[in-house]
Amino acid sequence: MPVILISEPEEEPLSLVDAKLFLRVEHDAEDALITNLIRAARRHVETQTGRRLVTQIWRLVLDAWPLDGVIALPIAPVAVLEGARLRAVDGSASELDLSGWTFDAASARVHVAHRPRLLRAFAGIEVDVTAGYGGAEDVPPVFVQAIRLLVGHWYEHRAEAVTRASMPLAAAALMAPERALRI
C-alpha cells in the first residue's frame, strides 16, 4: 500500500531565524545549508514517528478493497479525507462518491460501505488525504525541539552526517513516545 506525497508542506515547523538562534549563527553565509538541515530534520522526525507535522497532501494507492471495508491510513494525523477515485487500465480516473464513507480521524481509518468493482488489477484505488497538525505554529513543541536538536547536531557534525546516520540521544528520546503505533 504505497503512499505518495502530492503536496509538500508550505512551511517548516522550525524557522530559519529560530534555527540560527539555536545554532548561534549570526551570518547569512550558511542559510541554504541550515534550511536544508531543517527540511531533512522534519522529514526524519516524520519518518521516525509516522506523523506528518505541517499540513501536506498524500495519496494512498490500493490494489484491492479490504475485505472488512476498513482502510487503515498509514500516516497520522489525518485531518481531511480529500477524495478517492478508481483508475482504469487506460489511466483515466473515476471520482468516487464519499457520502457512504465514514472517516475516523482519531484512529486514521476509513470505512467504505459500498465498494465499487475495480477497473484494473493493481493500483486501481486512490485515496487522497490531508495530513498534519496544521501550520507551523500548530506543531507540538516536542517535535519542534527534536528538529532543533537534529539540526544542531547535523550542523556541528557535518562529516558524520554524511558518512552515517547520526542522531542525538535527546532527539531520539523526544520522538520515542510520539511514534504512531499500528496494530
N, C-alpha and C. Protein backbone atom coordinates (compact mmCIF):
# COMPACT_ATOMS: atom_id res chain seq x y z
N MET A 1 0.84 -1.16 0.00
CA MET A 1 0.00 0.00 0.00
C MET A 1 0.89 1.24 0.00
N PRO A 2 1.36 1.66 -1.16
CA PRO A 2 2.24 2.83 -1.22
C PRO A 2 1.49 4.12 -0.91
N VAL A 3 2.22 5.06 -0.33
CA VAL A 3 1.71 6.41 -0.13
C VAL A 3 2.62 7.36 -0.91
N ILE A 4 2.00 8.32 -1.57
CA ILE A 4 2.71 9.24 -2.45
C ILE A 4 2.44 10.66 -1.98
N LEU A 5 3.50 11.42 -1.81
CA LEU A 5 3.36 12.82 -1.42
C LEU A 5 2.86 13.61 -2.62
N ILE A 6 1.73 14.27 -2.45
CA ILE A 6 1.13 15.06 -3.52
C ILE A 6 1.49 16.54 -3.36
N SER A 7 1.46 17.02 -2.12
CA SER A 7 1.71 18.43 -1.86
C SER A 7 2.60 18.58 -0.64
N GLU A 8 3.81 19.11 -0.85
CA GLU A 8 4.77 19.36 0.24
C GLU A 8 4.21 20.41 1.20
N PRO A 9 4.69 20.41 2.43
CA PRO A 9 4.31 21.48 3.35
C PRO A 9 4.79 22.83 2.82
N GLU A 10 4.01 23.87 3.07
CA GLU A 10 4.36 25.20 2.60
C GLU A 10 5.34 25.90 3.53
N GLU A 11 5.52 25.36 4.74
CA GLU A 11 6.44 25.94 5.71
C GLU A 11 7.02 24.82 6.56
N GLU A 12 8.05 25.16 7.29
CA GLU A 12 8.68 24.19 8.19
C GLU A 12 8.31 24.53 9.63
N PRO A 13 8.27 23.52 10.51
CA PRO A 13 7.93 23.77 11.92
C PRO A 13 8.95 24.65 12.65
N LEU A 14 10.19 24.62 12.18
CA LEU A 14 11.27 25.42 12.76
C LEU A 14 11.70 26.44 11.71
N SER A 15 11.64 27.72 12.05
CA SER A 15 12.03 28.76 11.09
C SER A 15 13.55 28.86 11.02
N LEU A 16 14.01 29.44 9.93
CA LEU A 16 15.44 29.67 9.76
C LEU A 16 15.96 30.58 10.87
N VAL A 17 15.21 31.60 11.23
CA VAL A 17 15.61 32.54 12.28
C VAL A 17 15.79 31.80 13.61
N ASP A 18 14.81 30.95 13.97
CA ASP A 18 14.91 30.20 15.23
C ASP A 18 16.07 29.21 15.20
N ALA A 19 16.28 28.57 14.06
CA ALA A 19 17.39 27.62 13.95
C ALA A 19 18.73 28.34 14.11
N LYS A 20 18.87 29.50 13.48
CA LYS A 20 20.12 30.24 13.58
C LYS A 20 20.35 30.73 15.02
N LEU A 21 19.29 31.12 15.73
CA LEU A 21 19.43 31.50 17.14
C LEU A 21 19.93 30.32 17.96
N PHE A 22 19.36 29.15 17.72
CA PHE A 22 19.77 27.95 18.45
C PHE A 22 21.22 27.59 18.13
N LEU A 23 21.60 27.74 16.88
CA LEU A 23 22.96 27.41 16.45
C LEU A 23 23.97 28.51 16.78
N ARG A 24 23.47 29.67 17.17
CA ARG A 24 24.30 30.85 17.43
C ARG A 24 25.07 31.27 16.17
N VAL A 25 24.36 31.23 15.06
CA VAL A 25 24.92 31.66 13.78
C VAL A 25 24.40 33.07 13.50
N GLU A 26 25.31 34.01 13.30
CA GLU A 26 24.92 35.40 13.10
C GLU A 26 25.15 35.90 11.68
N HIS A 27 25.59 35.03 10.79
CA HIS A 27 25.83 35.42 9.40
C HIS A 27 24.83 34.69 8.50
N ASP A 28 24.78 35.11 7.24
CA ASP A 28 23.84 34.52 6.29
C ASP A 28 24.51 33.55 5.32
N ALA A 29 25.79 33.33 5.48
CA ALA A 29 26.55 32.52 4.53
C ALA A 29 26.05 31.08 4.44
N GLU A 30 25.49 30.56 5.52
CA GLU A 30 25.06 29.15 5.52
C GLU A 30 23.54 28.98 5.62
N ASP A 31 22.81 30.00 5.21
CA ASP A 31 21.35 29.92 5.27
C ASP A 31 20.80 28.76 4.45
N ALA A 32 21.35 28.53 3.27
CA ALA A 32 20.87 27.43 2.42
C ALA A 32 21.12 26.09 3.10
N LEU A 33 22.29 25.92 3.68
CA LEU A 33 22.61 24.68 4.40
C LEU A 33 21.66 24.48 5.57
N ILE A 34 21.45 25.50 6.37
CA ILE A 34 20.58 25.38 7.55
C ILE A 34 19.15 25.11 7.12
N THR A 35 18.70 25.74 6.07
CA THR A 35 17.35 25.49 5.54
C THR A 35 17.20 24.03 5.13
N ASN A 36 18.22 23.49 4.45
CA ASN A 36 18.18 22.08 4.05
C ASN A 36 18.22 21.15 5.26
N LEU A 37 18.98 21.51 6.27
CA LEU A 37 19.01 20.70 7.50
C LEU A 37 17.66 20.70 8.20
N ILE A 38 16.98 21.84 8.21
CA ILE A 38 15.63 21.92 8.81
C ILE A 38 14.68 20.98 8.08
N ARG A 39 14.69 21.03 6.75
CA ARG A 39 13.81 20.18 5.94
C ARG A 39 14.13 18.70 6.19
N ALA A 40 15.42 18.36 6.20
CA ALA A 40 15.83 16.98 6.43
C ALA A 40 15.44 16.52 7.83
N ALA A 41 15.59 17.39 8.81
CA ALA A 41 15.23 17.02 10.19
C ALA A 41 13.72 16.81 10.32
N ARG A 42 12.92 17.66 9.68
CA ARG A 42 11.46 17.46 9.73
C ARG A 42 11.09 16.12 9.11
N ARG A 43 11.69 15.82 7.97
CA ARG A 43 11.39 14.55 7.30
C ARG A 43 11.84 13.37 8.16
N HIS A 44 12.97 13.52 8.82
CA HIS A 44 13.46 12.45 9.69
C HIS A 44 12.50 12.23 10.87
N VAL A 45 12.06 13.30 11.48
CA VAL A 45 11.10 13.19 12.59
C VAL A 45 9.81 12.55 12.09
N GLU A 46 9.34 12.95 10.92
CA GLU A 46 8.12 12.36 10.37
C GLU A 46 8.30 10.87 10.10
N THR A 47 9.44 10.48 9.57
CA THR A 47 9.71 9.08 9.29
C THR A 47 9.80 8.27 10.58
N GLN A 48 10.47 8.79 11.57
CA GLN A 48 10.65 8.08 12.82
C GLN A 48 9.36 7.94 13.61
N THR A 49 8.49 8.92 13.53
CA THR A 49 7.26 8.90 14.34
C THR A 49 6.03 8.42 13.57
N GLY A 50 6.09 8.43 12.24
CA GLY A 50 4.92 8.08 11.45
C GLY A 50 3.88 9.19 11.42
N ARG A 51 4.25 10.37 11.89
CA ARG A 51 3.35 11.52 11.93
C ARG A 51 3.81 12.58 10.94
N ARG A 52 2.86 13.24 10.33
CA ARG A 52 3.15 14.37 9.45
C ARG A 52 2.94 15.63 10.28
N LEU A 53 3.89 16.54 10.23
CA LEU A 53 3.86 17.67 11.14
C LEU A 53 3.08 18.87 10.60
N VAL A 54 3.46 19.37 9.44
CA VAL A 54 2.80 20.53 8.86
C VAL A 54 1.92 20.02 7.72
N THR A 55 0.79 20.67 7.50
CA THR A 55 -0.20 20.24 6.52
C THR A 55 0.43 19.88 5.18
N GLN A 56 0.08 18.70 4.69
CA GLN A 56 0.55 18.19 3.41
C GLN A 56 -0.48 17.19 2.88
N ILE A 57 -0.49 16.99 1.59
CA ILE A 57 -1.48 16.08 0.99
C ILE A 57 -0.77 14.82 0.50
N TRP A 58 -1.36 13.68 0.85
CA TRP A 58 -0.81 12.37 0.50
C TRP A 58 -1.86 11.56 -0.25
N ARG A 59 -1.37 10.65 -1.09
CA ARG A 59 -2.24 9.72 -1.82
C ARG A 59 -1.87 8.30 -1.43
N LEU A 60 -2.86 7.55 -1.01
CA LEU A 60 -2.73 6.13 -0.69
C LEU A 60 -3.22 5.36 -1.91
N VAL A 61 -2.43 4.39 -2.35
CA VAL A 61 -2.78 3.59 -3.53
C VAL A 61 -3.00 2.15 -3.09
N LEU A 62 -4.15 1.60 -3.46
CA LEU A 62 -4.51 0.23 -3.09
C LEU A 62 -4.74 -0.62 -4.33
N ASP A 63 -4.44 -1.90 -4.19
CA ASP A 63 -4.71 -2.85 -5.27
C ASP A 63 -6.11 -3.43 -5.19
N ALA A 64 -6.64 -3.53 -3.96
CA ALA A 64 -7.95 -4.15 -3.75
C ALA A 64 -8.62 -3.52 -2.54
N TRP A 65 -9.93 -3.68 -2.46
CA TRP A 65 -10.65 -3.22 -1.29
C TRP A 65 -10.36 -4.16 -0.13
N PRO A 66 -10.17 -3.63 1.08
CA PRO A 66 -10.02 -4.52 2.24
C PRO A 66 -11.29 -5.35 2.41
N LEU A 67 -11.13 -6.61 2.83
CA LEU A 67 -12.29 -7.49 2.96
C LEU A 67 -13.32 -6.95 3.94
N ASP A 68 -12.85 -6.33 5.02
CA ASP A 68 -13.79 -5.79 6.01
C ASP A 68 -14.27 -4.38 5.67
N GLY A 69 -13.78 -3.82 4.56
CA GLY A 69 -14.20 -2.49 4.14
C GLY A 69 -13.54 -1.35 4.89
N VAL A 70 -12.53 -1.66 5.72
CA VAL A 70 -11.87 -0.63 6.52
C VAL A 70 -10.46 -0.40 5.98
N ILE A 71 -10.19 0.84 5.59
CA ILE A 71 -8.87 1.22 5.11
C ILE A 71 -8.15 1.89 6.28
N ALA A 72 -7.06 1.28 6.73
CA ALA A 72 -6.22 1.87 7.77
C ALA A 72 -5.20 2.76 7.09
N LEU A 73 -5.30 4.06 7.36
CA LEU A 73 -4.39 5.01 6.73
C LEU A 73 -3.03 4.94 7.40
N PRO A 74 -1.95 4.78 6.64
CA PRO A 74 -0.62 4.56 7.22
C PRO A 74 0.10 5.82 7.69
N ILE A 75 -0.57 6.97 7.66
CA ILE A 75 0.03 8.21 8.15
C ILE A 75 -0.92 8.86 9.15
N ALA A 76 -0.37 9.70 9.98
CA ALA A 76 -1.17 10.38 11.00
C ALA A 76 -0.55 11.74 11.28
N PRO A 77 -1.22 12.67 11.86
CA PRO A 77 -2.67 12.70 11.98
C PRO A 77 -3.31 13.08 10.64
N VAL A 78 -4.41 12.46 10.33
CA VAL A 78 -5.14 12.78 9.12
C VAL A 78 -6.26 13.74 9.50
N ALA A 79 -6.28 14.88 8.82
CA ALA A 79 -7.27 15.92 9.13
C ALA A 79 -8.50 15.80 8.25
N VAL A 80 -8.29 15.52 6.96
CA VAL A 80 -9.39 15.55 6.00
C VAL A 80 -9.23 14.44 4.98
N LEU A 81 -10.32 13.78 4.68
CA LEU A 81 -10.38 12.85 3.56
C LEU A 81 -10.75 13.68 2.35
N GLU A 82 -9.78 13.91 1.45
CA GLU A 82 -9.96 14.84 0.33
C GLU A 82 -10.79 14.26 -0.81
N GLY A 83 -10.54 13.00 -1.14
CA GLY A 83 -11.24 12.41 -2.26
C GLY A 83 -10.72 11.02 -2.55
N ALA A 84 -11.40 10.33 -3.43
CA ALA A 84 -11.00 8.99 -3.83
C ALA A 84 -11.44 8.75 -5.26
N ARG A 85 -10.71 7.87 -5.92
CA ARG A 85 -11.04 7.58 -7.31
C ARG A 85 -10.61 6.17 -7.66
N LEU A 86 -11.20 5.67 -8.72
CA LEU A 86 -10.78 4.41 -9.31
C LEU A 86 -10.03 4.73 -10.60
N ARG A 87 -8.95 4.01 -10.85
CA ARG A 87 -8.19 4.18 -12.09
C ARG A 87 -8.51 3.02 -13.02
N ALA A 88 -8.72 3.35 -14.27
CA ALA A 88 -8.98 2.35 -15.30
C ALA A 88 -7.64 1.91 -15.92
N VAL A 89 -7.67 0.88 -16.70
CA VAL A 89 -6.48 0.35 -17.36
C VAL A 89 -5.80 1.43 -18.20
N ASP A 90 -6.58 2.30 -18.84
CA ASP A 90 -6.01 3.36 -19.68
C ASP A 90 -5.50 4.56 -18.87
N GLY A 91 -5.64 4.52 -17.53
CA GLY A 91 -5.16 5.60 -16.68
C GLY A 91 -6.21 6.64 -16.33
N SER A 92 -7.36 6.56 -16.98
CA SER A 92 -8.40 7.54 -16.67
C SER A 92 -8.94 7.29 -15.26
N ALA A 93 -9.46 8.36 -14.64
CA ALA A 93 -9.92 8.28 -13.26
C ALA A 93 -11.42 8.51 -13.17
N SER A 94 -12.06 7.77 -12.28
CA SER A 94 -13.48 7.96 -11.96
C SER A 94 -13.56 8.33 -10.50
N GLU A 95 -14.03 9.55 -10.22
CA GLU A 95 -14.16 10.00 -8.84
C GLU A 95 -15.23 9.18 -8.12
N LEU A 96 -14.96 8.88 -6.85
CA LEU A 96 -15.90 8.12 -6.04
C LEU A 96 -16.69 9.06 -5.13
N ASP A 97 -17.94 8.72 -4.92
CA ASP A 97 -18.78 9.48 -4.00
C ASP A 97 -18.43 9.07 -2.57
N LEU A 98 -18.00 10.02 -1.76
CA LEU A 98 -17.56 9.73 -0.40
C LEU A 98 -18.69 9.78 0.62
N SER A 99 -19.92 10.01 0.17
CA SER A 99 -21.03 10.14 1.12
C SER A 99 -21.26 8.85 1.91
N GLY A 100 -20.91 7.70 1.37
CA GLY A 100 -21.07 6.44 2.08
C GLY A 100 -19.83 6.03 2.86
N TRP A 101 -18.85 6.89 2.91
CA TRP A 101 -17.60 6.59 3.61
C TRP A 101 -17.65 7.21 5.01
N THR A 102 -17.15 6.49 5.98
CA THR A 102 -17.06 7.01 7.35
C THR A 102 -15.59 7.15 7.71
N PHE A 103 -15.19 8.38 8.01
CA PHE A 103 -13.80 8.68 8.33
C PHE A 103 -13.68 8.95 9.82
N ASP A 104 -12.78 8.22 10.48
CA ASP A 104 -12.49 8.45 11.90
C ASP A 104 -11.07 8.97 12.02
N ALA A 105 -10.95 10.27 12.29
CA ALA A 105 -9.64 10.92 12.35
C ALA A 105 -8.81 10.37 13.51
N ALA A 106 -9.45 10.04 14.63
CA ALA A 106 -8.72 9.57 15.81
C ALA A 106 -7.97 8.27 15.53
N SER A 107 -8.58 7.36 14.79
CA SER A 107 -7.93 6.08 14.50
C SER A 107 -7.30 6.04 13.11
N ALA A 108 -7.46 7.12 12.34
CA ALA A 108 -6.95 7.18 10.96
C ALA A 108 -7.44 6.00 10.14
N ARG A 109 -8.75 5.76 10.25
CA ARG A 109 -9.36 4.67 9.47
C ARG A 109 -10.57 5.20 8.72
N VAL A 110 -10.82 4.56 7.58
CA VAL A 110 -11.97 4.89 6.75
C VAL A 110 -12.76 3.62 6.51
N HIS A 111 -14.06 3.68 6.77
CA HIS A 111 -14.93 2.55 6.46
C HIS A 111 -15.65 2.87 5.15
N VAL A 112 -15.52 1.96 4.20
CA VAL A 112 -16.15 2.13 2.89
C VAL A 112 -17.31 1.15 2.81
N ALA A 113 -18.52 1.67 2.90
CA ALA A 113 -19.71 0.82 2.91
C ALA A 113 -19.92 0.16 1.54
N HIS A 114 -19.89 0.97 0.49
CA HIS A 114 -20.09 0.45 -0.86
C HIS A 114 -18.74 0.46 -1.57
N ARG A 115 -18.30 -0.73 -1.98
CA ARG A 115 -17.02 -0.86 -2.66
C ARG A 115 -17.26 -1.22 -4.12
N PRO A 116 -17.14 -0.22 -5.00
CA PRO A 116 -17.40 -0.50 -6.42
C PRO A 116 -16.38 -1.45 -7.03
N ARG A 117 -16.80 -2.07 -8.11
CA ARG A 117 -15.94 -3.01 -8.84
C ARG A 117 -14.70 -2.27 -9.34
N LEU A 118 -13.55 -2.93 -9.20
CA LEU A 118 -12.29 -2.33 -9.64
C LEU A 118 -12.18 -2.35 -11.15
N LEU A 119 -11.47 -1.36 -11.69
CA LEU A 119 -11.33 -1.21 -13.13
C LEU A 119 -10.01 -1.76 -13.66
N ARG A 120 -9.07 -2.07 -12.73
CA ARG A 120 -7.82 -2.70 -13.12
C ARG A 120 -7.29 -3.54 -11.96
N ALA A 121 -6.37 -4.43 -12.27
CA ALA A 121 -5.95 -5.45 -11.30
C ALA A 121 -5.04 -4.92 -10.20
N PHE A 122 -4.31 -3.84 -10.43
CA PHE A 122 -3.42 -3.31 -9.39
C PHE A 122 -3.41 -1.78 -9.45
N ALA A 123 -3.14 -1.17 -8.30
CA ALA A 123 -3.09 0.29 -8.18
C ALA A 123 -4.33 0.95 -8.76
N GLY A 124 -5.47 0.34 -8.52
CA GLY A 124 -6.72 0.84 -9.08
C GLY A 124 -7.50 1.76 -8.16
N ILE A 125 -7.10 1.83 -6.89
CA ILE A 125 -7.82 2.67 -5.93
C ILE A 125 -6.86 3.73 -5.40
N GLU A 126 -7.29 4.98 -5.43
CA GLU A 126 -6.50 6.08 -4.88
C GLU A 126 -7.34 6.84 -3.86
N VAL A 127 -6.74 7.09 -2.72
CA VAL A 127 -7.42 7.85 -1.66
C VAL A 127 -6.50 9.00 -1.27
N ASP A 128 -7.00 10.23 -1.37
CA ASP A 128 -6.21 11.42 -1.03
C ASP A 128 -6.62 11.94 0.33
N VAL A 129 -5.62 12.26 1.16
CA VAL A 129 -5.88 12.79 2.49
C VAL A 129 -4.99 13.99 2.77
N THR A 130 -5.49 14.89 3.60
CA THR A 130 -4.67 15.97 4.14
C THR A 130 -4.21 15.54 5.51
N ALA A 131 -2.91 15.53 5.71
CA ALA A 131 -2.34 15.09 6.98
C ALA A 131 -1.53 16.22 7.59
N GLY A 132 -1.36 16.16 8.90
CA GLY A 132 -0.55 17.14 9.60
C GLY A 132 -1.36 17.83 10.70
N TYR A 133 -0.63 18.51 11.56
CA TYR A 133 -1.26 19.21 12.68
C TYR A 133 -1.83 20.57 12.27
N GLY A 134 -1.46 21.07 11.11
CA GLY A 134 -1.87 22.39 10.65
C GLY A 134 -0.65 23.16 10.21
N GLY A 135 -0.60 24.45 10.56
CA GLY A 135 0.54 25.29 10.23
C GLY A 135 1.70 25.04 11.19
N ALA A 136 2.80 25.73 10.95
CA ALA A 136 4.00 25.56 11.78
C ALA A 136 3.70 25.83 13.25
N GLU A 137 2.84 26.80 13.51
CA GLU A 137 2.51 27.16 14.90
C GLU A 137 1.68 26.09 15.61
N ASP A 138 1.10 25.15 14.87
CA ASP A 138 0.27 24.10 15.45
C ASP A 138 1.04 22.83 15.78
N VAL A 139 2.28 22.74 15.34
CA VAL A 139 3.09 21.54 15.57
C VAL A 139 3.45 21.46 17.06
N PRO A 140 3.19 20.31 17.69
CA PRO A 140 3.54 20.17 19.11
C PRO A 140 5.01 20.48 19.37
N PRO A 141 5.29 21.19 20.48
CA PRO A 141 6.67 21.61 20.77
C PRO A 141 7.68 20.47 20.85
N VAL A 142 7.25 19.28 21.23
CA VAL A 142 8.18 18.16 21.32
C VAL A 142 8.81 17.86 19.96
N PHE A 143 8.05 17.98 18.89
CA PHE A 143 8.57 17.73 17.56
C PHE A 143 9.51 18.86 17.11
N VAL A 144 9.15 20.09 17.44
CA VAL A 144 9.99 21.23 17.09
C VAL A 144 11.34 21.10 17.79
N GLN A 145 11.32 20.69 19.07
CA GLN A 145 12.57 20.53 19.80
C GLN A 145 13.41 19.40 19.21
N ALA A 146 12.79 18.32 18.80
CA ALA A 146 13.54 17.22 18.17
C ALA A 146 14.19 17.71 16.88
N ILE A 147 13.46 18.50 16.09
CA ILE A 147 14.03 19.07 14.86
C ILE A 147 15.19 19.98 15.20
N ARG A 148 15.01 20.82 16.19
CA ARG A 148 16.07 21.75 16.61
C ARG A 148 17.34 20.99 17.00
N LEU A 149 17.18 19.92 17.77
CA LEU A 149 18.34 19.12 18.20
C LEU A 149 19.02 18.43 17.03
N LEU A 150 18.23 17.92 16.10
CA LEU A 150 18.81 17.28 14.92
C LEU A 150 19.58 18.29 14.07
N VAL A 151 18.98 19.45 13.84
CA VAL A 151 19.66 20.48 13.05
C VAL A 151 20.98 20.86 13.72
N GLY A 152 20.94 21.07 15.03
CA GLY A 152 22.16 21.43 15.75
C GLY A 152 23.23 20.36 15.65
N HIS A 153 22.81 19.12 15.82
CA HIS A 153 23.76 18.00 15.76
C HIS A 153 24.37 17.87 14.36
N TRP A 154 23.50 17.90 13.36
CA TRP A 154 23.99 17.74 11.99
C TRP A 154 24.85 18.92 11.57
N TYR A 155 24.53 20.12 12.03
CA TYR A 155 25.32 21.30 11.69
C TYR A 155 26.72 21.19 12.29
N GLU A 156 26.79 20.73 13.53
CA GLU A 156 28.09 20.64 14.22
C GLU A 156 28.91 19.42 13.79
N HIS A 157 28.24 18.37 13.31
CA HIS A 157 28.92 17.13 12.94
C HIS A 157 28.67 16.80 11.47
N ARG A 158 29.03 17.69 10.60
CA ARG A 158 28.73 17.53 9.17
C ARG A 158 29.34 16.29 8.57
N ALA A 159 30.56 15.96 8.92
CA ALA A 159 31.21 14.78 8.34
C ALA A 159 30.50 13.51 8.76
N GLU A 160 30.08 13.43 10.03
CA GLU A 160 29.35 12.24 10.49
C GLU A 160 28.02 12.10 9.79
N ALA A 161 27.33 13.21 9.60
CA ALA A 161 26.02 13.17 8.97
C ALA A 161 26.12 12.68 7.53
N VAL A 162 27.26 12.90 6.90
CA VAL A 162 27.45 12.46 5.53
C VAL A 162 27.81 10.98 5.48
N THR A 163 28.58 10.49 6.46
CA THR A 163 29.08 9.13 6.40
C THR A 163 28.17 8.10 7.05
N ARG A 164 27.34 8.51 8.04
CA ARG A 164 26.43 7.55 8.68
C ARG A 164 25.25 8.30 9.28
N ALA A 165 24.18 7.57 9.49
CA ALA A 165 23.02 8.18 10.12
C ALA A 165 23.37 8.52 11.55
N SER A 166 23.22 9.77 11.89
CA SER A 166 23.64 10.25 13.20
C SER A 166 22.49 11.00 13.85
N MET A 167 22.11 10.57 15.07
CA MET A 167 21.02 11.23 15.76
C MET A 167 21.35 11.36 17.23
N PRO A 168 21.23 12.55 17.79
CA PRO A 168 21.49 12.70 19.22
C PRO A 168 20.46 11.93 20.04
N LEU A 169 20.90 11.39 21.16
CA LEU A 169 20.01 10.61 22.03
C LEU A 169 18.82 11.42 22.51
N ALA A 170 19.01 12.71 22.77
CA ALA A 170 17.91 13.55 23.24
C ALA A 170 16.79 13.62 22.20
N ALA A 171 17.14 13.74 20.93
CA ALA A 171 16.13 13.78 19.87
C ALA A 171 15.40 12.44 19.78
N ALA A 172 16.14 11.35 19.86
CA ALA A 172 15.52 10.02 19.84
C ALA A 172 14.57 9.85 21.02
N ALA A 173 14.98 10.33 22.19
CA ALA A 173 14.14 10.21 23.38
C ALA A 173 12.87 11.04 23.25
N LEU A 174 12.95 12.20 22.62
CA LEU A 174 11.76 13.03 22.41
C LEU A 174 10.78 12.37 21.46
N MET A 175 11.30 11.71 20.44
CA MET A 175 10.43 11.11 19.42
C MET A 175 9.82 9.78 19.86
N ALA A 176 10.53 9.01 20.68
CA ALA A 176 10.10 7.64 21.02
C ALA A 176 8.65 7.55 21.48
N PRO A 177 8.22 8.35 22.48
CA PRO A 177 6.84 8.19 22.93
C PRO A 177 5.80 8.74 21.96
N GLU A 178 6.24 9.44 20.93
CA GLU A 178 5.33 10.06 19.98
C GLU A 178 5.08 9.22 18.73
N ARG A 179 5.72 8.06 18.65
CA ARG A 179 5.55 7.21 17.47
C ARG A 179 4.09 6.77 17.32
N ALA A 180 3.59 6.88 16.11
CA ALA A 180 2.25 6.40 15.82
C ALA A 180 2.30 4.88 15.74
N LEU A 181 1.58 4.22 16.58
CA LEU A 181 1.60 2.76 16.61
C LEU A 181 0.51 2.19 15.71
N ARG A 182 0.83 1.14 15.01
CA ARG A 182 -0.12 0.43 14.14
C ARG A 182 -0.26 -0.99 14.66
N ILE A 183 -1.50 -1.40 14.84
CA ILE A 183 -1.74 -2.77 15.33
C ILE A 183 -2.33 -3.59 14.21
